[in-house]
C-alpha atoms as a PDB file:
ATOM      1  CA  UNK A   1      72.188  31.984  83.528  1.00  0.00           C
ATOM      2  CA  UNK A   2      73.832  30.215  86.469  1.00  0.00           C
ATOM      3  CA  UNK A   3      77.374  29.906  85.068  1.00  0.00           C
ATOM      4  CA  UNK A   4      78.853  32.922  86.857  1.00  0.00           C
ATOM      5  CA  UNK A   5      77.375  32.068  90.272  1.00  0.00           C
ATOM      6  CA  UNK A   6      78.409  28.415  89.906  1.00  0.00           C
ATOM      7  CA  UNK A   7      82.001  29.467  89.137  1.00  0.00           C
ATOM      8  CA  UNK A   8      81.921  31.925  92.032  1.00  0.00           C
ATOM      9  CA  UNK A   9      80.807  29.239  94.472  1.00  0.00           C
ATOM     10  CA  UNK A  10      83.275  26.664  93.102  1.00  0.00           C
ATOM     11  CA  UNK A  11      86.115  28.979  94.173  1.00  0.00           C
ATOM     12  CA  UNK A  12      85.218  28.140  97.779  1.00  0.00           C
ATOM     13  CA  UNK A  13      83.312  24.854  97.999  1.00  0.00           C
ATOM     14  CA  UNK A  14      82.672  21.730  95.932  1.00  0.00           C
ATOM     15  CA  UNK A  15      79.127  20.793  95.021  1.00  0.00           C
ATOM     16  CA  UNK A  16      77.535  17.901  93.217  1.00  0.00           C
ATOM     17  CA  UNK A  17      75.245  18.407  90.244  1.00  0.00           C
ATOM     18  CA  UNK A  18      72.302  17.570  92.528  1.00  0.00           C
ATOM     19  CA  UNK A  19      73.458  20.227  95.040  1.00  0.00           C
ATOM     20  CA  UNK A  20      73.599  22.797  92.256  1.00  0.00           C
ATOM     21  CA  UNK A  21      70.152  21.770  91.067  1.00  0.00           C
ATOM     22  CA  UNK A  22      68.723  22.377  94.554  1.00  0.00           C
ATOM     23  CA  UNK A  23      70.536  25.710  94.790  1.00  0.00           C
ATOM     24  CA  UNK A  24      69.352  26.875  91.364  1.00  0.00           C
ATOM     25  CA  UNK A  25      65.760  26.002  92.285  1.00  0.00           C
ATOM     26  CA  UNK A  26      65.941  28.494  95.173  1.00  0.00           C
ATOM     27  CA  UNK A  27      67.320  31.407  93.149  1.00  0.00           C
ATOM     28  CA  UNK A  28      65.047  34.153  91.831  1.00  0.00           C
ATOM     29  CA  UNK A  29      66.313  35.885  88.661  1.00  0.00           C
ATOM     30  CA  UNK A  30      65.786  39.634  88.585  1.00  0.00           C
ATOM     31  CA  UNK A  31      66.467  42.075  85.745  1.00  0.00           C
ATOM     32  CA  UNK A  32      66.830  45.710  86.685  1.00  0.00           C
ATOM     33  CA  UNK A  33      66.948  48.834  84.544  1.00  0.00           C
ATOM     34  CA  UNK A  34      69.526  51.560  84.933  1.00  0.00           C
ATOM     35  CA  UNK A  35      68.449  54.007  87.687  1.00  0.00           C
ATOM     36  CA  UNK A  36      65.964  51.502  89.122  1.00  0.00           C
ATOM     37  CA  UNK A  37      66.013  50.875  92.868  1.00  0.00           C
ATOM     38  CA  UNK A  38      66.624  47.341  94.095  1.00  0.00           C
ATOM     39  CA  UNK A  39      66.058  48.395  97.718  1.00  0.00           C
ATOM     40  CA  UNK A  40      64.881  51.689  99.186  1.00  0.00           C
ATOM     41  CA  UNK A  41      65.241  52.968 102.718  1.00  0.00           C
ATOM     42  CA  UNK A  42      62.298  51.717 104.773  1.00  0.00           C
ATOM     43  CA  UNK A  43      61.755  48.545 102.720  1.00  0.00           C
ATOM     44  CA  UNK A  44      61.679  45.169 104.399  1.00  0.00           C
ATOM     45  CA  UNK A  45      64.567  43.148 102.993  1.00  0.00           C
ATOM     46  CA  UNK A  46      64.029  39.428 102.503  1.00  0.00           C
ATOM     47  CA  UNK A  47      66.599  38.813  99.761  1.00  0.00           C
ATOM     48  CA  UNK A  48      70.294  39.063  99.158  1.00  0.00           C
ATOM     49  CA  UNK A  49      71.454  39.206  95.563  1.00  0.00           C
ATOM     50  CA  UNK A  50      74.331  37.941  93.475  1.00  0.00           C
ATOM     51  CA  UNK A  51      75.295  40.315  90.669  1.00  0.00           C
ATOM     52  CA  UNK A  52      75.537  38.313  87.429  1.00  0.00           C
ATOM     53  CA  UNK A  53      75.791  41.438  85.309  1.00  0.00           C
ATOM     54  CA  UNK A  54      75.775  45.144  86.026  1.00  0.00           C
ATOM     55  CA  UNK A  55      76.802  47.684  88.603  1.00  0.00           C
ATOM     56  CA  UNK A  56      74.855  48.821  91.655  1.00  0.00           C
ATOM     57  CA  UNK A  57      75.455  51.356  94.386  1.00  0.00           C
ATOM     58  CA  UNK A  58      74.551  51.168  98.078  1.00  0.00           C
ATOM     59  CA  UNK A  59      74.052  54.554  99.711  1.00  0.00           C
ATOM     60  CA  UNK A  60      72.464  56.358 102.624  1.00  0.00           C
ATOM     61  CA  UNK A  61      70.736  59.727 102.616  1.00  0.00           C
ATOM     62  CA  UNK A  62      71.428  61.787 105.745  1.00  0.00           C
ATOM     63  CA  UNK A  63      68.994  64.166 107.466  1.00  0.00           C
ATOM     64  CA  UNK A  64      70.300  67.027 105.301  1.00  0.00           C
ATOM     65  CA  UNK A  65      69.488  65.151 102.096  1.00  0.00           C
ATOM     66  CA  UNK A  66      73.140  64.362 101.312  1.00  0.00           C
ATOM     67  CA  UNK A  67      73.927  60.973  99.801  1.00  0.00           C
ATOM     68  CA  UNK A  68      76.784  58.871 101.188  1.00  0.00           C
ATOM     69  CA  UNK A  69      77.945  56.006  98.967  1.00  0.00           C
ATOM     70  CA  UNK A  70      78.842  52.953 101.041  1.00  0.00           C
ATOM     71  CA  UNK A  71      79.766  50.493  98.300  1.00  0.00           C
ATOM     72  CA  UNK A  72      79.495  49.516  94.689  1.00  0.00           C
ATOM     73  CA  UNK A  73      78.538  45.994  93.654  1.00  0.00           C
ATOM     74  CA  UNK A  74      79.748  44.626  90.339  1.00  0.00           C
ATOM     75  CA  UNK A  75      79.796  41.195  88.743  1.00  0.00           C
ATOM     76  CA  UNK A  76      80.372  38.338  91.209  1.00  0.00           C
ATOM     77  CA  UNK A  77      79.545  40.493  94.245  1.00  0.00           C
ATOM     78  CA  UNK A  78      76.696  39.985  96.686  1.00  0.00           C
ATOM     79  CA  UNK A  79      74.511  42.964  97.541  1.00  0.00           C
ATOM     80  CA  UNK A  80      71.696  43.758  99.947  1.00  0.00           C
ATOM     81  CA  UNK A  81      71.047  45.883 102.986  1.00  0.00           C
ATOM     82  CA  UNK A  82      72.592  43.156 105.093  1.00  0.00           C
ATOM     83  CA  UNK A  83      71.664  44.742 108.429  1.00  0.00           C
ATOM     84  CA  UNK A  84      68.022  44.689 107.369  1.00  0.00           C
ATOM     85  CA  UNK A  85      68.353  41.217 105.837  1.00  0.00           C
ATOM     86  CA  UNK A  86      69.936  39.539 108.871  1.00  0.00           C
ATOM     87  CA  UNK A  87      68.087  41.471 111.587  1.00  0.00           C
ATOM     88  CA  UNK A  88      64.697  41.408 109.821  1.00  0.00           C
ATOM     89  CA  UNK A  89      64.259  45.164 110.102  1.00  0.00           C
ATOM     90  CA  UNK A  90      63.554  47.990 107.677  1.00  0.00           C
ATOM     91  CA  UNK A  91      66.300  48.990 105.259  1.00  0.00           C
ATOM     92  CA  UNK A  92      68.583  51.829 106.210  1.00  0.00           C
ATOM     93  CA  UNK A  93      70.238  51.931 102.796  1.00  0.00           C
ATOM     94  CA  UNK A  94      69.141  52.488  99.230  1.00  0.00           C
ATOM     95  CA  UNK A  95      70.519  50.333  96.442  1.00  0.00           C
ATOM     96  CA  UNK A  96      70.155  51.557  92.879  1.00  0.00           C
ATOM     97  CA  UNK A  97      71.356  50.296  89.528  1.00  0.00           C
ATOM     98  CA  UNK A  98      74.038  52.314  87.768  1.00  0.00           C
ATOM     99  CA  UNK A  99      73.679  50.018  84.746  1.00  0.00           C
ATOM    100  CA  UNK A 100      71.128  47.550  83.460  1.00  0.00           C
ATOM    101  CA  UNK A 101      71.691  44.639  85.832  1.00  0.00           C
ATOM    102  CA  UNK A 102      70.944  40.937  86.125  1.00  0.00           C
ATOM    103  CA  UNK A 103      70.728  39.519  89.630  1.00  0.00           C
ATOM    104  CA  UNK A 104      70.026  36.217  91.304  1.00  0.00           C
ATOM    105  CA  UNK A 105      68.228  36.595  94.616  1.00  0.00           C
ATOM    106  CA  UNK A 106      67.865  34.162  97.466  1.00  0.00           C
ATOM    107  CA  UNK A 107      65.190  34.598 100.123  1.00  0.00           C
ATOM    108  CA  UNK A 108      66.199  34.465 103.792  1.00  0.00           C
ATOM    109  CA  UNK A 109      64.004  31.396 104.410  1.00  0.00           C
ATOM    110  CA  UNK A 110      65.445  29.607 101.377  1.00  0.00           C
ATOM    111  CA  UNK A 111      68.952  30.379 102.590  1.00  0.00           C
ATOM    112  CA  UNK A 112      68.170  28.648 105.888  1.00  0.00           C
ATOM    113  CA  UNK A 113      66.734  25.701 103.949  1.00  0.00           C
ATOM    114  CA  UNK A 114      69.891  25.609 101.842  1.00  0.00           C
ATOM    115  CA  UNK A 115      72.073  25.473 104.977  1.00  0.00           C
ATOM    116  CA  UNK A 116      70.090  22.441 106.179  1.00  0.00           C
ATOM    117  CA  UNK A 117      70.067  20.583 102.865  1.00  0.00           C
ATOM    118  CA  UNK A 118      73.635  21.372 101.770  1.00  0.00           C
ATOM    119  CA  UNK A 119      75.865  22.248 104.751  1.00  0.00           C
ATOM    120  CA  UNK A 120      78.672  23.354 102.448  1.00  0.00           C
ATOM    121  CA  UNK A 121      76.698  26.525 101.792  1.00  0.00           C
ATOM    122  CA  UNK A 122      77.051  27.561 105.420  1.00  0.00           C
ATOM    123  CA  UNK A 123      80.804  27.446 104.878  1.00  0.00           C
ATOM    124  CA  UNK A 124      80.510  29.385 101.611  1.00  0.00           C
ATOM    125  CA  UNK A 125      78.435  32.193 103.112  1.00  0.00           C
ATOM    126  CA  UNK A 126      80.635  32.286 106.228  1.00  0.00           C
ATOM    127  CA  UNK A 127      83.659  32.827 103.970  1.00  0.00           C
ATOM    128  CA  UNK A 128      81.832  35.594 102.091  1.00  0.00           C
ATOM    129  CA  UNK A 129      80.596  37.249 105.282  1.00  0.00           C
ATOM    130  CA  UNK A 130      83.972  37.170 107.003  1.00  0.00           C
ATOM    131  CA  UNK A 131      85.593  38.647 103.882  1.00  0.00           C
ATOM    132  CA  UNK A 132      83.011  41.429 103.824  1.00  0.00           C
ATOM    133  CA  UNK A 133      83.579  42.143 107.513  1.00  0.00           C
ATOM    134  CA  UNK A 134      87.337  42.468 107.020  1.00  0.00           C
ATOM    135  CA  UNK A 135      86.783  44.734 103.995  1.00  0.00           C
ATOM    136  CA  UNK A 136      84.468  46.920 106.082  1.00  0.00           C
ATOM    137  CA  UNK A 137      87.067  47.244 108.837  1.00  0.00           C
ATOM    138  CA  UNK A 138      89.713  48.106 106.246  1.00  0.00           C
ATOM    139  CA  UNK A 139      87.446  50.776 104.789  1.00  0.00           C
ATOM    140  CA  UNK A 140      86.798  52.322 108.210  1.00  0.00           C
ATOM    141  CA  UNK A 141      90.513  52.427 109.039  1.00  0.00           C
ATOM    142  CA  UNK A 142      91.276  53.806 105.590  1.00  0.00           C
ATOM    143  CA  UNK A 143      88.814  56.664 106.120  1.00  0.00           C
ATOM    144  CA  UNK A 144      90.403  57.472 109.492  1.00  0.00           C
ATOM    145  CA  UNK A 145      94.077  57.069 108.644  1.00  0.00           C
ATOM    146  CA  UNK A 146      94.745  57.480 104.933  1.00  0.00           C
ATOM    147  CA  UNK A 147      95.050  60.458 102.645  1.00  0.00           C
ATOM    148  CA  UNK A 148      92.598  60.951  99.807  1.00  0.00           C
ATOM    149  CA  UNK A 149      95.304  59.784  97.380  1.00  0.00           C
ATOM    150  CA  UNK A 150      95.805  56.554  99.333  1.00  0.00           C
ATOM    151  CA  UNK A 151      92.032  56.001  99.513  1.00  0.00           C
ATOM    152  CA  UNK A 152      91.754  56.510  95.758  1.00  0.00           C
ATOM    153  CA  UNK A 153      94.541  54.009  95.068  1.00  0.00           C
ATOM    154  CA  UNK A 154      92.817  51.519  97.393  1.00  0.00           C
ATOM    155  CA  UNK A 155      89.570  52.126  95.490  1.00  0.00           C
ATOM    156  CA  UNK A 156      91.287  51.334  92.189  1.00  0.00           C
ATOM    157  CA  UNK A 157      92.560  48.018  93.614  1.00  0.00           C
ATOM    158  CA  UNK A 158      89.198  47.079  95.124  1.00  0.00           C
ATOM    159  CA  UNK A 159      87.200  48.025  92.032  1.00  0.00           C
ATOM    160  CA  UNK A 160      89.479  47.550  89.012  1.00  0.00           C
ATOM    161  CA  UNK A 161      88.113  48.994  85.768  1.00  0.00           C
ATOM    162  CA  UNK A 162      85.032  50.441  87.455  1.00  0.00           C
ATOM    163  CA  UNK A 163      85.956  54.056  86.766  1.00  0.00           C
ATOM    164  CA  UNK A 164      84.593  53.780  83.209  1.00  0.00           C
ATOM    165  CA  UNK A 165      81.287  52.514  84.599  1.00  0.00           C
ATOM    166  CA  UNK A 166      80.642  54.886  87.499  1.00  0.00           C
ATOM    167  CA  UNK A 167      80.233  58.676  87.283  1.00  0.00           C
ATOM    168  CA  UNK A 168      83.114  60.632  88.811  1.00  0.00           C
ATOM    169  CA  UNK A 169      80.897  62.406  91.344  1.00  0.00           C
ATOM    170  CA  UNK A 170      79.879  59.012  92.802  1.00  0.00           C
ATOM    171  CA  UNK A 171      83.498  57.873  93.055  1.00  0.00           C
ATOM    172  CA  UNK A 172      84.302  61.149  94.836  1.00  0.00           C
ATOM    173  CA  UNK A 173      81.298  60.591  97.121  1.00  0.00           C
ATOM    174  CA  UNK A 174      82.513  57.067  97.954  1.00  0.00           C
ATOM    175  CA  UNK A 175      85.964  58.465  98.779  1.00  0.00           C
ATOM    176  CA  UNK A 176      84.524  61.266 100.906  1.00  0.00           C
ATOM    177  CA  UNK A 177      85.953  64.058  98.732  1.00  0.00           C
ATOM    178  CA  UNK A 178      84.616  66.676  96.332  1.00  0.00           C
ATOM    179  CA  UNK A 179      84.560  65.883  92.587  1.00  0.00           C
ATOM    180  CA  UNK A 180      87.011  68.750  91.967  1.00  0.00           C
ATOM    181  CA  UNK A 181      89.434  67.177  94.460  1.00  0.00           C
ATOM    182  CA  UNK A 182      89.184  63.865  92.621  1.00  0.00           C
ATOM    183  CA  UNK A 183      90.022  65.593  89.336  1.00  0.00           C
ATOM    184  CA  UNK A 184      93.068  67.303  90.899  1.00  0.00           C
ATOM    185  CA  UNK A 185      94.172  64.037  92.481  1.00  0.00           C
ATOM    186  CA  UNK A 186      93.949  62.189  89.161  1.00  0.00           C
ATOM    187  CA  UNK A 187      95.934  64.927  87.368  1.00  0.00           C
ATOM    188  CA  UNK A 188      98.605  64.789  90.048  1.00  0.00           C
ATOM    189  CA  UNK A 189      98.866  60.991  89.794  1.00  0.00           C
ATOM    190  CA  UNK A 190      99.040  61.153  85.981  1.00  0.00           C
ATOM    191  CA  UNK A 191     101.957  63.583  86.201  1.00  0.00           C
ATOM    192  CA  UNK A 192     103.969  61.470  88.634  1.00  0.00           C
END
C-alpha cells in the first residue's frame, strides 16, 4: 500500500525504516468511487492527499454555474484545496474522482508533527510546494501568451497518457477552449 509513496519520497529525501514507520502511521488510506467528491466547495479542508491510484479533477464553479478545471491529479501527485488546507478556511474548489481512486491522506496537525519528528519531510514538502508554485506560474503565463495548440502540447507533456483517462470535454475545459476546437486542433496536428 505504501510502495508508491515511499518511492515518490525517496526521489527527494532519504529516510530510515523507522522514519517510514512513523510516516506510515500518520497516513489515512481512502478509497474513492468514480464520480465521488473528495472535497466540495465550502468544506473545511484538513487533509492533503497522495494519489496512489486513480485520476481526480480540481475545479471551480463560477457564479453562472460554469465549471473551470484547474488541474488533474494522477498517480504520484498530491491533491487538495491547498488554499483552504494552508489557510484553514473553507474550500473554494471541488475535487472529484474521474476514476476509482486510492489515496493516502495526511492531516494538517500530523504534517506539523511529522516536520518536528523527521525534519527531512519539511525539505520534501518544500520541494513539492515550490515545484507546484512554478507549475502554476507556467500555467498562468501559458494561458496569457500561448495559442490553444501550444497549450494543448504543453498539456500532453504535463499529463502524458491522460487523454485516454479523461473525457475530451474536460480536457477542453482545462485548456480554456470548446470541445469542438479541441477536435479540430487534434485533426490539424494529426495531419501535420
